[in-house]
Amino acid sequence: MSETKRILVTGAAGKVGQAFIRRFLLDPRFETWKVRALCHNRMLERTARLEVVRGSIEHRDVASEAVEGVSHVLHLATSKETPESIMDVAIKGMFWLLEACRVSPAFEQFLLVGGDAGMGHFFYPHPIPVTETQKHSAYPGCYALSKVLEEVMLEQYYIQYQLNGCCLRAPWIMEKDDFKAQLSFGDDVFGGPRWRDLVGAEAAEGYVRSGAVPVMLDPDGKPVKRNFVHVEDLVAAILLAIDSEKARQQTFNVCMDEPVDYGELASYLESTRGLPSVKVKTPFRSTWLDNTKAKFLLGWRPKYDLARLTDAAFDYARAPDDPRVTWYPG
């Protein structure tokens, strides 16, 4: 009888981690596998197929314990815009994981979920679609820098040690009512921009009362196109990449087929829900991540487009025991 395979999931209690573990354990392809969840601040409940290790990967002994006996690693852990910890967690922690993987006789594949922060997101002009061959261009801040360093470190392990790895580069990851919350003119806005700061508190209060949504404009006054991916589409890509020979030492943009055009979004919300909109000029620029490579090599197809992403978020009703909580700054 073959030995049971295990996949280690770092950042297991986060948005992507929980969605991945749920679908992985239900997938017939992996019915004989177990999951080892590495948790730090939040814990998951152990089950027959879910092991839990507690600690931070910034500590070598924690990373070594977590990797011991696992065949696959899905690396999700990060600390966002927290300069005091991000290099210890994101860079040193990933280094300890990779070091443990390269000397482990059980190890087979390392999967990293990267981010378009390493490609400049919407901070810089992108006159052509952003493909996997474009040079890294982190926007200001430590988080974007960490995403560049993660990808480069993984690439060097391919060269230095012929490590079998894969990077799935995602833009902003949405679930539940995230997409609706990122449009709020209130203090409850999810992520950025903080629309309230751009229009002023008094105007923002009026927009909150009317249910208005912002139309992000670039410096030329044109609606911005911004990339998103729903967490279920991202998880689908991760599942396809596991043990795929075509994913070996590859980077994939994993995103919607088209970015969200804030002008089209406003029109859709007006026609379907009667919501007004407000044009807000920003310094941000349109960008279009090209997901062709993931579709071609992995056979992956995103199920969420602008309409489905919007309807899912605006129709979502949070239960009393599921309050909106932002687990990280930025």
Protein backbone atom coordinates (compact mmCIF):
# COMPACT_ATOMS: atom_id res chain seq x y z
CA MET A 1 0.00 0.00 0.00
CA SER A 2 1.37 3.40 -0.97
CA GLU A 3 2.05 5.95 1.75
CA THR A 4 -0.63 8.61 2.27
CA LYS A 5 0.28 11.92 0.65
CA ARG A 6 0.03 15.13 2.63
CA ILE A 7 -0.25 18.72 1.48
CA LEU A 8 0.90 21.46 3.82
CA VAL A 9 -1.16 24.66 3.65
CA THR A 10 0.42 27.76 5.19
CA GLY A 11 -1.95 30.60 6.02
CA ALA A 12 -4.53 27.84 6.29
CA ALA A 13 -7.06 29.87 8.30
CA GLY A 14 -7.19 32.65 5.71
CA LYS A 15 -9.63 33.27 2.88
CA VAL A 16 -7.87 31.13 0.29
CA GLY A 17 -6.67 28.52 2.78
CA GLN A 18 -10.11 27.70 4.12
CA ALA A 19 -11.69 27.63 0.66
CA PHE A 20 -8.92 25.39 -0.65
CA ILE A 21 -9.07 22.92 2.24
CA ARG A 22 -12.86 22.62 1.95
CA ARG A 23 -12.73 21.79 -1.75
CA PHE A 24 -9.60 19.65 -1.54
CA LEU A 25 -11.13 17.36 1.06
CA LEU A 26 -14.26 16.94 -1.09
CA ASP A 27 -12.36 16.26 -4.33
CA PRO A 28 -12.40 12.53 -5.25
CA ARG A 29 -8.97 12.93 -6.84
CA PHE A 30 -7.46 13.56 -3.42
CA GLU A 31 -9.63 11.28 -1.30
CA THR A 32 -6.62 9.38 0.07
CA TRP A 33 -4.61 12.52 0.88
CA LYS A 34 -4.39 14.40 4.16
CA VAL A 35 -4.03 18.14 4.79
CA ARG A 36 -1.61 19.64 7.28
CA ALA A 37 -2.71 23.15 8.19
CA LEU A 38 -0.14 25.57 9.53
CA CYS A 39 -1.97 28.09 11.70
CA HIS A 40 -0.61 31.08 13.59
CA ASN A 41 -3.16 33.49 15.05
CA ARG A 42 -6.33 31.60 14.12
CA MET A 43 -6.87 27.88 14.46
CA LEU A 44 -8.74 25.25 12.49
CA GLU A 45 -10.36 22.18 14.02
CA ARG A 46 -8.55 18.89 13.58
CA THR A 47 -10.35 16.07 11.78
CA ALA A 48 -9.41 12.60 10.57
CA ARG A 49 -7.87 14.10 7.42
CA LEU A 50 -6.86 17.53 8.74
CA GLU A 51 -3.74 17.85 10.87
CA VAL A 52 -2.87 21.17 12.52
CA VAL A 53 0.54 22.62 13.34
CA ARG A 54 0.66 25.91 15.23
CA GLY A 55 3.39 28.51 14.85
CA SER A 56 4.99 31.02 12.51
CA ILE A 57 7.19 30.02 9.58
CA GLU A 58 9.61 32.79 10.47
CA HIS A 59 11.03 30.22 12.91
CA ARG A 60 13.07 27.49 11.24
CA ASP A 61 11.98 24.76 13.63
CA VAL A 62 8.30 25.50 12.91
CA ALA A 63 8.86 25.39 9.15
CA SER A 64 10.84 22.16 9.43
CA GLU A 65 8.18 20.50 11.58
CA ALA A 66 5.44 21.60 9.19
CA VAL A 67 7.23 20.26 6.10
CA GLU A 68 8.29 16.94 7.61
CA GLY A 69 6.61 14.09 5.77
CA VAL A 70 4.56 16.25 3.38
CA SER A 71 4.69 15.74 -0.37
CA HIS A 72 3.19 19.08 -1.42
CA VAL A 73 3.25 22.62 -0.03
CA LEU A 74 0.69 25.32 -0.78
CA HIS A 75 2.21 28.56 0.47
CA LEU A 76 -0.33 31.29 1.28
CA ALA A 77 1.01 32.90 4.46
CA THR A 78 1.90 36.60 4.41
CA SER A 79 1.55 39.63 6.65
CA LYS A 80 0.54 42.41 4.25
CA GLU A 81 1.71 45.99 4.95
CA THR A 82 3.44 45.30 8.24
CA PRO A 83 7.09 46.35 7.90
CA GLU A 84 8.02 45.05 11.33
CA SER A 85 7.17 41.44 10.41
CA ILE A 86 6.75 41.00 6.67
CA MET A 87 10.35 40.12 5.82
CA ASP A 88 10.54 37.62 8.67
CA VAL A 89 7.30 35.93 7.64
CA ALA A 90 7.15 36.31 3.86
CA ILE A 91 10.83 36.08 2.95
CA LYS A 92 12.69 34.32 5.76
CA GLY A 93 9.68 32.07 6.35
CA MET A 94 9.46 31.04 2.70
CA PHE A 95 13.22 30.45 2.68
CA TRP A 96 12.93 28.06 5.63
CA LEU A 97 10.07 26.24 3.88
CA LEU A 98 12.04 25.87 0.65
CA GLU A 99 15.13 24.72 2.52
CA ALA A 100 13.09 22.07 4.32
CA CYS A 101 11.47 20.98 1.06
CA ARG A 102 14.70 20.57 -0.89
CA VAL A 103 16.17 18.12 1.62
CA SER A 104 12.96 16.21 2.36
CA PRO A 105 12.70 12.76 0.75
CA ALA A 106 8.90 13.06 0.77
CA PHE A 107 8.72 16.41 -1.03
CA GLU A 108 7.28 16.59 -4.57
CA GLN A 109 5.84 20.05 -5.36
CA PHE A 110 5.79 23.62 -3.99
CA LEU A 111 2.84 25.82 -4.98
CA LEU A 112 3.02 29.56 -4.31
CA VAL A 113 0.08 31.93 -4.60
CA GLY A 114 1.70 35.15 -5.79
CA GLY A 115 0.10 38.49 -6.47
CA ASP A 116 -0.19 41.17 -9.11
CA ALA A 117 1.25 43.55 -6.50
CA GLY A 118 4.59 42.33 -7.82
CA MET A 119 3.65 43.55 -11.29
CA GLY A 120 2.65 47.04 -10.14
CA HIS A 121 -1.09 46.41 -9.89
CA PHE A 122 -2.82 49.64 -11.01
CA PHE A 123 -0.06 51.97 -9.82
CA TYR A 124 1.79 52.14 -13.15
CA PRO A 125 0.66 52.50 -16.77
CA HIS A 126 0.36 49.17 -18.58
CA PRO A 127 -0.05 49.90 -22.30
CA ILE A 128 -0.30 46.20 -23.17
CA PRO A 129 -1.70 43.16 -21.31
CA VAL A 130 0.42 41.94 -18.43
CA THR A 131 1.74 38.46 -19.18
CA GLU A 132 3.93 36.15 -17.12
CA THR A 133 7.02 37.31 -19.04
CA GLN A 134 6.79 40.95 -17.94
CA LYS A 135 9.47 42.16 -15.54
CA HIS A 136 8.55 42.62 -11.91
CA SER A 137 7.63 46.17 -10.88
CA ALA A 138 6.56 46.43 -7.24
CA TYR A 139 4.52 49.47 -6.28
CA PRO A 140 5.60 51.45 -3.17
CA GLY A 141 5.34 49.54 0.09
CA CYS A 142 6.74 46.41 1.69
CA TYR A 143 3.93 44.04 0.67
CA ALA A 144 4.46 44.45 -3.08
CA LEU A 145 8.20 44.10 -2.58
CA SER A 146 7.66 40.86 -0.69
CA LYS A 147 5.59 39.41 -3.56
CA VAL A 148 8.44 40.13 -5.99
CA LEU A 149 11.00 38.54 -3.67
CA GLU A 150 8.83 35.45 -3.16
CA GLU A 151 8.54 34.81 -6.90
CA VAL A 152 12.24 35.44 -7.52
CA MET A 153 13.24 33.15 -4.65
CA LEU A 154 11.11 30.33 -6.01
CA GLU A 155 12.55 30.81 -9.51
CA GLN A 156 16.09 30.59 -8.12
CA TYR A 157 15.28 27.30 -6.39
CA TYR A 158 14.27 25.98 -9.81
CA ILE A 159 17.73 26.92 -11.10
CA GLN A 160 19.80 26.03 -8.05
CA TYR A 161 18.13 22.78 -7.03
CA GLN A 162 15.76 21.82 -9.90
CA LEU A 163 12.89 22.18 -7.42
CA ASN A 164 9.43 21.34 -8.74
CA GLY A 165 7.36 24.43 -8.11
CA CYS A 166 4.57 26.55 -9.52
CA CYS A 167 3.45 30.15 -8.95
CA LEU A 168 -0.20 31.07 -9.35
CA ARG A 169 -0.24 34.87 -9.53
CA ALA A 170 -3.56 36.31 -8.43
CA PRO A 171 -4.96 39.85 -8.36
CA TRP A 172 -7.35 40.96 -5.61
CA ILE A 173 -9.14 37.87 -4.31
CA MET A 174 -12.87 38.19 -3.65
CA GLU A 175 -15.35 36.13 -1.64
CA LYS A 176 -18.76 36.66 -0.01
CA ASP A 177 -19.53 40.43 -0.05
CA ASP A 178 -15.93 41.60 -0.51
CA PHE A 179 -16.60 43.09 -3.93
CA LYS A 180 -19.50 45.15 -2.59
CA ALA A 181 -17.50 46.31 0.44
CA GLN A 182 -14.64 47.61 -1.72
CA LEU A 183 -17.14 50.10 -3.22
CA SER A 184 -18.24 51.58 0.11
CA PHE A 185 -17.92 55.31 0.79
CA GLY A 186 -18.06 54.50 4.51
CA ASP A 187 -15.41 53.62 7.04
CA ASP A 188 -16.24 49.96 6.40
CA VAL A 189 -14.60 50.05 2.95
CA PHE A 190 -12.63 46.88 2.18
CA GLY A 191 -9.13 47.62 0.91
CA GLY A 192 -8.34 50.64 -1.20
CA PRO A 193 -8.84 53.24 -2.41
CA ARG A 194 -10.54 54.76 0.62
CA TRP A 195 -13.23 56.59 -1.33
CA ARG A 196 -14.25 58.60 1.72
CA ASP A 197 -10.83 60.24 1.90
CA LEU A 198 -10.93 61.14 -1.79
CA VAL A 199 -14.33 62.87 -1.77
CA GLY A 200 -14.45 64.23 1.78
CA ALA A 201 -16.44 63.06 4.80
CA GLU A 202 -19.55 65.18 4.18
CA ALA A 203 -19.99 64.09 0.56
CA ALA A 204 -19.20 60.50 1.51
CA GLU A 205 -22.02 60.43 4.07
CA GLY A 206 -24.47 61.49 1.40
CA TYR A 207 -23.24 58.79 -0.95
CA VAL A 208 -23.61 56.19 1.79
CA ARG A 209 -27.24 57.23 2.30
CA SER A 210 -28.02 57.08 -1.41
CA GLY A 211 -26.19 53.79 -1.95
CA ALA A 212 -23.94 55.38 -4.57
CA VAL A 213 -20.95 53.49 -5.92
CA PRO A 214 -17.68 55.06 -7.07
CA VAL A 215 -16.44 55.07 -10.64
CA MET A 216 -12.65 55.03 -10.38
CA LEU A 217 -11.17 57.35 -13.00
CA ASP A 218 -7.55 57.47 -14.15
CA PRO A 219 -5.62 60.76 -14.47
CA ASP A 220 -7.07 61.20 -17.97
CA GLY A 221 -10.64 60.91 -16.67
CA LYS A 222 -11.28 57.42 -18.08
CA PRO A 223 -12.78 54.58 -16.00
CA VAL A 224 -10.11 52.31 -14.58
CA LYS A 225 -9.95 48.62 -15.45
CA ARG A 226 -8.88 46.61 -12.40
CA ASN A 227 -8.17 42.90 -12.05
CA PHE A 228 -10.00 40.59 -9.65
CA VAL A 229 -10.42 36.86 -9.11
CA HIS A 230 -13.04 35.04 -7.10
CA VAL A 231 -11.60 32.71 -4.49
CA GLU A 232 -13.43 29.73 -5.99
CA ASP A 233 -11.80 30.32 -9.39
CA LEU A 234 -8.38 30.62 -7.77
CA VAL A 235 -8.90 27.39 -5.83
CA ALA A 236 -9.93 25.64 -9.04
CA ALA A 237 -6.62 26.66 -10.63
CA ILE A 238 -4.63 25.46 -7.61
CA LEU A 239 -6.33 22.07 -7.73
CA LEU A 240 -5.51 21.72 -11.42
CA ALA A 241 -1.87 22.66 -10.84
CA ILE A 242 -1.29 19.96 -8.23
CA ASP A 243 0.87 17.24 -9.81
CA SER A 244 0.45 18.72 -13.28
CA GLU A 245 3.61 18.22 -15.31
CA LYS A 246 2.62 21.25 -17.39
CA ALA A 247 2.73 23.37 -14.22
CA ARG A 248 6.32 22.41 -13.42
CA GLN A 249 8.41 25.54 -12.79
CA GLN A 250 5.73 27.74 -14.36
CA THR A 251 4.06 31.01 -13.38
CA PHE A 252 0.39 31.56 -14.20
CA ASN A 253 -1.77 34.66 -14.08
CA VAL A 254 -5.01 33.49 -12.46
CA CYS A 255 -7.71 36.11 -12.89
CA MET A 256 -11.02 36.91 -14.55
CA ASP A 257 -11.04 36.85 -18.36
CA GLU A 258 -11.39 40.63 -18.34
CA PRO A 259 -10.66 43.18 -15.64
CA VAL A 260 -13.55 45.03 -14.06
CA ASP A 261 -14.23 48.31 -15.85
CA TYR A 262 -15.57 50.65 -13.17
CA GLY A 263 -17.69 52.46 -15.75
CA GLU A 264 -19.31 49.22 -16.89
CA LEU A 265 -19.74 48.18 -13.26
CA ALA A 266 -21.61 51.41 -12.47
CA SER A 267 -23.87 50.92 -15.49
CA TYR A 268 -24.60 47.34 -14.46
CA LEU A 269 -25.49 48.33 -10.90
CA GLU A 270 -27.72 51.14 -12.12
CA SER A 271 -29.60 48.88 -14.55
CA THR A 272 -29.96 45.92 -12.19
CA ARG A 273 -30.26 47.58 -8.77
CA GLY A 274 -31.01 51.24 -9.44
CA LEU A 275 -27.86 52.44 -7.70
CA PRO A 276 -26.42 55.86 -8.54
CA SER A 277 -22.71 56.36 -9.18
CA VAL A 278 -20.10 59.03 -8.55
CA LYS A 279 -17.02 59.66 -10.65
CA VAL A 280 -13.86 59.82 -8.53
CA LYS A 281 -10.57 60.88 -10.08
CA THR A 282 -7.55 58.92 -8.86
CA PRO A 283 -3.87 58.51 -9.78
CA PHE A 284 -4.47 54.86 -10.66
CA ARG A 285 -4.19 53.29 -14.11
CA SER A 286 -5.90 50.49 -15.99
CA THR A 287 -4.20 47.11 -16.18
CA TRP A 288 -5.20 43.85 -17.84
CA LEU A 289 -3.75 40.57 -16.62
CA ASP A 290 -3.63 37.98 -19.38
CA ASN A 291 -4.78 34.54 -18.15
CA THR A 292 -4.25 32.72 -21.47
CA LYS A 293 -1.34 30.63 -20.19
CA ALA A 294 -3.34 29.11 -17.33
CA LYS A 295 -6.18 28.32 -19.70
CA PHE A 296 -3.85 26.76 -22.26
CA LEU A 297 -1.59 24.68 -19.99
CA LEU A 298 -3.90 23.87 -17.06
CA GLY A 299 -7.22 23.69 -18.91
CA TRP A 300 -8.56 26.18 -16.35
CA ARG A 301 -11.54 28.47 -17.00
CA PRO A 302 -12.77 31.18 -14.62
CA LYS A 303 -16.48 31.01 -13.88
CA TYR A 304 -16.84 34.56 -12.57
CA ASP A 305 -17.26 37.56 -14.82
CA LEU A 306 -18.35 41.10 -13.92
CA ALA A 307 -22.04 40.21 -13.64
CA ARG A 308 -21.56 37.08 -11.57
CA LEU A 309 -18.96 38.68 -9.31
CA THR A 310 -21.23 41.67 -8.70
CA ASP A 311 -24.43 39.72 -8.15
CA ALA A 312 -22.76 37.26 -5.80
CA ALA A 313 -21.44 40.08 -3.62
CA PHE A 314 -24.58 42.22 -3.59
CA ASP A 315 -26.87 39.24 -2.96
CA TYR A 316 -24.74 37.87 -0.14
CA ALA A 317 -26.33 38.12 3.31
CA ARG A 318 -23.96 37.75 6.24
CA ALA A 319 -25.11 35.59 9.12
CA PRO A 320 -24.98 37.05 12.64
CA ASP A 321 -22.05 34.77 13.47
CA ASP A 322 -20.13 35.82 10.34
CA PRO A 323 -19.28 39.51 10.84
CA ARG A 324 -17.06 41.27 8.34
CA VAL A 325 -13.55 41.17 9.77
CA THR A 326 -10.40 42.38 8.03
CA TRP A 327 -7.62 40.12 9.26
CA TYR A 328 -4.79 42.15 7.85
CA PRO A 329 -4.08 45.85 7.25
CA GLY A 330 -3.70 47.25 3.75
